[in-house]
């Protein structure tokens, strides 16, 4: 099977019903025309075998996750998904693998009305790079540099179950097989919070998605916005499987677990009811976990309001 046969068989689909791409797969470039009054939100993420996923990973789940991590970036900006491109390096043209990968990819793409419009394929180590395009009304993006002193800090969903599963797979600790099976979907098949991101437009000040760990990702908001924060560590919503673990592990994995792909955002105290209404409309739970302050730095408190001295950092590829 040639490169072009591969593309035609597994990645070319009928024209998208909304005709968002003026020109899609099959030319040197795709053409996108933003709607009037809208601007494009663009993000890229690369997944490398042995770094972002295990060798032999389930191809359906891998197709899902490859797109999910990009959709999560759009969610963090409050952007509506439009289209994506796929650059794929493959050791070989494994038809069974490609069938499952493309099914997982397109199941999530269709759920969010997002069209594949181009990309590239080559032979080499397994490497998946997606560039995603969303649209948002001009001036409505939820940016990292917009947090204000006095804002509440919120997080969606739960944290830590992905890290719990990852640690068990790396044999850092023993974990009951049933617990691992329940936690593993948070690692292998995260659910991007698109509906919540859209619902928070005009309500939240700043937002981002939690991919490398809450403590580090929140730090990006603090740095960009030139503010500080106090975080109530024991208020962090631990995942259902993590809740059964020791308190120290709960604290470490909710603070710096990574791979959660939840939204962390700030909003004025006066908009608490609006935040809860947005969460209800998006069918996504949210938890208030702290506050933005004018004084720089991040202060960690326990459930009794006492300072916690925890020296942990989020994931860094080159640390």
Protein backbone atom coordinates (compact mmCIF):
# COMPACT_ATOMS: atom_id res chain seq x y z
CA UNK A 1 0.00 0.00 0.00
CA UNK A 2 1.48 3.35 -1.06
CA UNK A 3 1.40 6.54 1.00
CA UNK A 4 -1.47 7.88 -1.12
CA UNK A 5 -3.41 4.62 -0.90
CA UNK A 6 -3.02 4.80 2.90
CA UNK A 7 -4.36 8.35 3.03
CA UNK A 8 -7.24 7.62 0.68
CA UNK A 9 -8.31 4.46 2.52
CA UNK A 10 -8.12 5.64 6.12
CA UNK A 11 -8.19 9.44 6.21
CA UNK A 12 -10.12 10.83 3.22
CA UNK A 13 -13.81 11.26 4.03
CA UNK A 14 -16.85 12.77 2.30
CA UNK A 15 -17.07 16.55 2.24
CA UNK A 16 -17.97 18.01 5.64
CA UNK A 17 -21.65 19.04 5.74
CA UNK A 18 -20.82 22.54 6.99
CA UNK A 19 -18.18 23.10 4.27
CA UNK A 20 -15.91 24.86 6.76
CA UNK A 21 -12.82 24.23 4.64
CA UNK A 22 -12.82 26.08 1.32
CA UNK A 23 -10.33 23.44 0.21
CA UNK A 24 -9.49 20.26 2.13
CA UNK A 25 -7.34 17.17 1.56
CA UNK A 26 -5.69 16.78 -1.84
CA UNK A 27 -3.75 19.97 -2.58
CA UNK A 28 -0.55 21.60 -1.30
CA UNK A 29 -2.48 23.55 1.32
CA UNK A 30 -5.94 23.50 2.85
CA UNK A 31 -7.90 26.74 2.79
CA UNK A 32 -9.96 27.97 5.75
CA UNK A 33 -12.12 31.08 5.75
CA UNK A 34 -13.10 32.35 9.23
CA UNK A 35 -16.67 33.49 9.66
CA UNK A 36 -17.27 37.22 9.87
CA UNK A 37 -16.40 38.62 13.30
CA UNK A 38 -14.44 35.49 14.24
CA UNK A 39 -10.75 34.77 14.63
CA UNK A 40 -8.90 31.45 14.41
CA UNK A 41 -7.50 29.69 17.47
CA UNK A 42 -4.65 27.34 16.47
CA UNK A 43 -2.74 24.76 18.50
CA UNK A 44 -0.35 21.86 17.84
CA UNK A 45 0.53 18.84 19.96
CA UNK A 46 2.94 16.00 19.25
CA UNK A 47 2.69 12.48 20.73
CA UNK A 48 5.84 10.37 20.58
CA UNK A 49 5.90 6.63 21.25
CA UNK A 50 7.82 5.86 24.43
CA UNK A 51 7.42 9.45 25.66
CA UNK A 52 3.71 10.23 25.54
CA UNK A 53 2.34 6.71 25.19
CA UNK A 54 3.57 3.16 25.68
CA UNK A 55 4.81 1.04 22.80
CA UNK A 56 1.96 -1.19 21.69
CA UNK A 57 -0.71 1.23 22.93
CA UNK A 58 -4.26 0.47 21.86
CA UNK A 59 -4.60 2.24 18.46
CA UNK A 60 -8.26 3.22 18.93
CA UNK A 61 -7.49 4.92 22.24
CA UNK A 62 -4.39 6.49 20.73
CA UNK A 63 -6.41 7.98 17.88
CA UNK A 64 -8.81 9.40 20.45
CA UNK A 65 -6.10 10.83 22.70
CA UNK A 66 -4.14 12.36 19.81
CA UNK A 67 -7.09 14.59 18.98
CA UNK A 68 -8.36 14.99 22.55
CA UNK A 69 -5.24 16.78 23.77
CA UNK A 70 -5.62 19.31 20.96
CA UNK A 71 -9.34 19.79 21.53
CA UNK A 72 -8.50 20.43 25.17
CA UNK A 73 -6.40 23.43 24.11
CA UNK A 74 -9.37 24.85 22.21
CA UNK A 75 -11.57 24.29 25.26
CA UNK A 76 -9.14 26.29 27.38
CA UNK A 77 -9.51 29.26 25.01
CA UNK A 78 -13.29 29.00 24.76
CA UNK A 79 -12.96 28.18 21.06
CA UNK A 80 -15.31 26.12 18.90
CA UNK A 81 -13.57 23.29 16.99
CA UNK A 82 -13.47 23.69 13.21
CA UNK A 83 -10.80 21.50 11.61
CA UNK A 84 -7.47 19.74 12.11
CA UNK A 85 -4.47 18.43 10.19
CA UNK A 86 -2.57 15.24 10.93
CA UNK A 87 1.16 14.54 10.48
CA UNK A 88 1.82 10.85 11.01
CA UNK A 89 5.12 8.98 11.08
CA UNK A 90 4.63 5.19 10.89
CA UNK A 91 7.06 2.26 11.09
CA UNK A 92 4.95 0.53 8.42
CA UNK A 93 1.51 0.47 6.80
CA UNK A 94 -0.20 -1.84 9.31
CA UNK A 95 -3.78 -1.95 8.03
CA UNK A 96 -5.31 -3.33 11.23
CA UNK A 97 -3.57 -0.60 13.28
CA UNK A 98 -4.60 2.15 10.85
CA UNK A 99 -8.22 1.00 10.86
CA UNK A 100 -8.46 1.21 14.64
CA UNK A 101 -6.44 4.44 14.93
CA UNK A 102 -8.55 6.25 12.34
CA UNK A 103 -11.78 5.01 13.94
CA UNK A 104 -10.76 6.36 17.35
CA UNK A 105 -9.64 9.63 15.79
CA UNK A 106 -12.81 10.20 13.78
CA UNK A 107 -15.20 9.11 16.53
CA UNK A 108 -13.98 12.02 18.64
CA UNK A 109 -13.72 14.36 15.64
CA UNK A 110 -17.34 13.68 14.70
CA UNK A 111 -18.48 14.16 18.31
CA UNK A 112 -17.06 17.70 18.15
CA UNK A 113 -17.91 18.44 14.51
CA UNK A 114 -14.23 18.81 13.60
CA UNK A 115 -12.98 18.07 10.07
CA UNK A 116 -9.65 16.58 8.94
CA UNK A 117 -8.37 18.90 6.20
CA UNK A 118 -4.84 17.71 5.46
CA UNK A 119 -1.45 16.70 6.82
CA UNK A 120 1.43 14.39 5.94
CA UNK A 121 2.50 10.76 6.29
CA UNK A 122 6.00 9.34 6.31
CA UNK A 123 7.86 6.20 7.35
CA UNK A 124 9.73 6.37 10.64
CA UNK A 125 9.30 5.94 14.41
CA UNK A 126 5.67 6.22 15.51
CA UNK A 127 4.98 9.92 15.99
CA UNK A 128 1.63 11.72 15.80
CA UNK A 129 1.35 15.49 15.42
CA UNK A 130 -1.99 17.27 15.12
CA UNK A 131 -2.62 20.93 14.44
CA UNK A 132 -6.12 22.03 15.33
CA UNK A 133 -8.14 25.06 14.29
CA UNK A 134 -11.00 26.61 16.21
CA UNK A 135 -12.96 29.82 15.94
CA UNK A 136 -13.92 32.37 18.53
CA UNK A 137 -15.51 35.83 18.44
CA UNK A 138 -12.86 38.53 18.31
CA UNK A 139 -11.95 39.57 21.86
CA UNK A 140 -13.72 36.64 23.55
CA UNK A 141 -10.77 34.25 24.05
CA UNK A 142 -10.05 32.98 27.57
CA UNK A 143 -6.37 33.90 27.90
CA UNK A 144 -3.73 33.05 30.48
CA UNK A 145 -2.86 36.70 31.09
CA UNK A 146 -6.31 37.86 32.23
CA UNK A 147 -6.54 36.69 35.88
CA UNK A 148 -7.30 39.47 38.37
CA UNK A 149 -6.68 39.81 42.09
CA UNK A 150 -9.81 38.71 43.94
CA UNK A 151 -10.79 36.10 41.36
CA UNK A 152 -11.85 32.63 42.47
CA UNK A 153 -9.81 29.73 41.07
CA UNK A 154 -11.83 26.80 39.75
CA UNK A 155 -11.06 23.42 38.23
CA UNK A 156 -13.32 21.11 36.25
CA UNK A 157 -13.89 17.40 36.80
CA UNK A 158 -11.42 15.47 38.93
CA UNK A 159 -7.64 15.23 39.10
CA UNK A 160 -5.05 12.54 39.65
CA UNK A 161 -6.51 9.28 38.36
CA UNK A 162 -4.44 9.47 35.16
CA UNK A 163 -1.25 9.82 37.21
CA UNK A 164 -2.37 7.00 39.50
CA UNK A 165 -2.74 4.70 36.49
CA UNK A 166 0.56 5.83 34.98
CA UNK A 167 2.46 5.11 38.19
CA UNK A 168 0.99 1.63 38.42
CA UNK A 169 1.89 0.90 34.78
CA UNK A 170 5.46 2.04 35.51
CA UNK A 171 5.40 -0.26 38.58
CA UNK A 172 6.06 2.61 40.99
CA UNK A 173 3.63 0.94 43.39
CA UNK A 174 1.19 -1.99 43.41
CA UNK A 175 -2.39 -1.20 42.47
CA UNK A 176 -5.38 -3.50 42.51
CA UNK A 177 -6.24 -4.61 38.98
CA UNK A 178 -9.82 -3.33 39.27
CA UNK A 179 -8.61 0.07 40.48
CA UNK A 180 -6.14 0.29 37.61
CA UNK A 181 -8.82 -0.68 35.08
CA UNK A 182 -11.10 2.07 36.43
CA UNK A 183 -8.37 4.74 36.46
CA UNK A 184 -6.72 3.89 33.12
CA UNK A 185 -9.36 5.56 30.87
CA UNK A 186 -8.40 8.91 32.36
CA UNK A 187 -4.86 8.32 31.08
CA UNK A 188 -5.64 6.73 27.72
CA UNK A 189 -8.88 8.48 26.69
CA UNK A 190 -9.24 11.96 28.25
CA UNK A 191 -12.42 13.90 27.52
CA UNK A 192 -11.85 17.49 26.32
CA UNK A 193 -14.04 20.06 28.08
CA UNK A 194 -15.22 21.87 24.95
CA UNK A 195 -18.77 22.53 26.19
CA UNK A 196 -17.51 24.07 29.43
CA UNK A 197 -14.97 26.26 27.65
CA UNK A 198 -17.71 27.64 25.38
CA UNK A 199 -20.06 28.18 28.33
CA UNK A 200 -17.41 30.13 30.26
CA UNK A 201 -16.97 32.79 27.59
CA UNK A 202 -17.92 36.15 29.09
CA UNK A 203 -17.78 34.68 32.62
CA UNK A 204 -14.22 33.50 33.26
CA UNK A 205 -11.24 35.83 33.14
CA UNK A 206 -8.33 33.41 32.52
CA UNK A 207 -8.17 29.71 31.70
CA UNK A 208 -5.90 26.87 30.58
CA UNK A 209 -6.05 23.11 30.39
CA UNK A 210 -4.29 20.98 32.99
CA UNK A 211 -1.91 18.78 31.02
CA UNK A 212 1.40 18.85 32.91
CA UNK A 213 0.02 19.16 36.44
CA UNK A 214 -2.14 21.76 38.19
CA UNK A 215 0.61 23.43 40.21
CA UNK A 216 2.74 24.13 37.16
CA UNK A 217 -0.08 24.97 34.79
CA UNK A 218 -1.67 27.39 37.26
CA UNK A 219 1.80 28.92 37.58
CA UNK A 220 1.57 29.92 33.91
CA UNK A 221 -1.57 31.94 34.65
CA UNK A 222 0.09 33.59 37.65
CA UNK A 223 3.19 34.53 35.67
CA UNK A 224 1.33 35.78 32.62
CA UNK A 225 -1.15 37.78 34.73
CA UNK A 226 1.49 39.07 37.20
CA UNK A 227 -0.47 37.88 40.24
CA UNK A 228 -0.18 35.28 43.01
CA UNK A 229 -2.60 32.80 44.53
CA UNK A 230 -3.59 30.74 47.53
CA UNK A 231 -4.62 27.16 46.78
CA UNK A 232 -6.65 24.95 49.12
CA UNK A 233 -4.90 21.64 48.44
CA UNK A 234 -7.39 19.46 50.31
CA UNK A 235 -10.23 21.02 48.30
CA UNK A 236 -8.78 19.68 45.04
CA UNK A 237 -11.22 17.13 43.56
CA UNK A 238 -9.35 13.83 43.60
CA UNK A 239 -10.41 11.23 41.05
CA UNK A 240 -12.63 8.38 42.31
CA UNK A 241 -9.77 5.87 42.32
CA UNK A 242 -7.28 8.28 43.85
CA UNK A 243 -9.68 8.98 46.72
CA UNK A 244 -8.96 5.49 48.04
CA UNK A 245 -5.23 6.18 48.34
CA UNK A 246 -3.15 7.76 51.14
CA UNK A 247 -3.58 11.51 51.73
CA UNK A 248 0.01 12.29 50.70
CA UNK A 249 -0.49 10.56 47.34
CA UNK A 250 -3.81 12.37 46.84
CA UNK A 251 -2.14 15.71 47.44
CA UNK A 252 0.81 15.03 45.15
CA UNK A 253 -1.21 13.60 42.29
CA UNK A 254 -3.95 16.25 42.32
CA UNK A 255 -1.33 19.00 42.46
CA UNK A 256 1.18 17.66 39.96
CA UNK A 257 -0.12 14.47 38.37
CA UNK A 258 -0.47 15.58 34.77
CA UNK A 259 -2.55 14.14 31.89
CA UNK A 260 -5.80 15.34 33.48
CA UNK A 261 -6.92 17.60 30.61
CA UNK A 262 -9.33 19.43 32.88
CA UNK A 263 -9.84 23.21 32.77
CA UNK A 264 -8.39 25.48 35.43
CA UNK A 265 -9.88 28.97 35.27
CA UNK A 266 -10.41 32.14 37.26
CA UNK A 267 -13.59 34.19 37.57
CA UNK A 268 -14.82 37.09 39.71
CA UNK A 269 -16.42 36.23 43.06
CA UNK A 270 -19.55 38.02 41.80
CA UNK A 271 -19.88 35.43 38.98
CA UNK A 272 -19.98 32.30 41.16
CA UNK A 273 -23.58 31.54 40.25
CA UNK A 274 -22.80 32.14 36.59
CA UNK A 275 -19.89 29.69 36.79
CA UNK A 276 -22.12 27.06 38.37
CA UNK A 277 -24.74 27.70 35.70
CA UNK A 278 -22.15 27.27 32.94
CA UNK A 279 -21.01 24.02 34.54
CA UNK A 280 -24.58 22.77 34.71
CA UNK A 281 -25.22 23.71 31.07
CA UNK A 282 -22.01 21.89 30.05
CA UNK A 283 -22.84 18.87 32.26
CA UNK A 284 -19.36 19.21 33.79
CA UNK A 285 -18.72 19.52 37.54
CA UNK A 286 -16.48 22.33 38.77
CA UNK A 287 -14.81 22.93 42.15
CA UNK A 288 -13.65 26.21 43.68
CA UNK A 289 -10.09 25.59 44.88
CA UNK A 290 -8.53 28.93 45.79
CA UNK A 291 -8.18 32.61 45.04
CA UNK A 292 -6.03 34.98 43.00
CA UNK A 293 -4.11 37.57 45.01
CA UNK A 294 -2.03 40.64 44.22
CA UNK A 295 1.02 39.32 46.13
CA UNK A 296 3.21 37.15 43.92
CA UNK A 297 3.84 33.47 44.62
CA UNK A 298 1.70 30.42 45.22
CA UNK A 299 0.65 29.58 48.78
CA UNK A 300 -0.61 26.09 49.63
CA UNK A 301 -3.01 25.48 52.52
CA UNK A 302 -4.39 22.25 53.99
CA UNK A 303 -8.01 21.58 54.92
CA UNK A 304 -7.58 23.45 58.22
CA UNK A 305 -6.17 26.53 56.53
CA UNK A 306 -2.62 25.78 57.66
CA UNK A 307 0.37 26.28 55.32
CA UNK A 308 1.66 23.18 53.52
CA UNK A 309 5.36 22.92 52.76
CA UNK A 310 5.38 20.76 49.62
CA UNK A 311 8.27 20.81 47.18
CA UNK A 312 6.74 19.36 44.01
CA UNK A 313 6.81 20.46 40.41
CA UNK A 314 4.85 19.65 37.29
CA UNK A 315 6.09 17.59 34.36
CA UNK A 316 8.82 19.10 32.16
CA UNK A 317 10.19 17.26 29.11
CA UNK A 318 13.69 18.60 29.64
CA UNK A 319 13.92 18.77 33.43
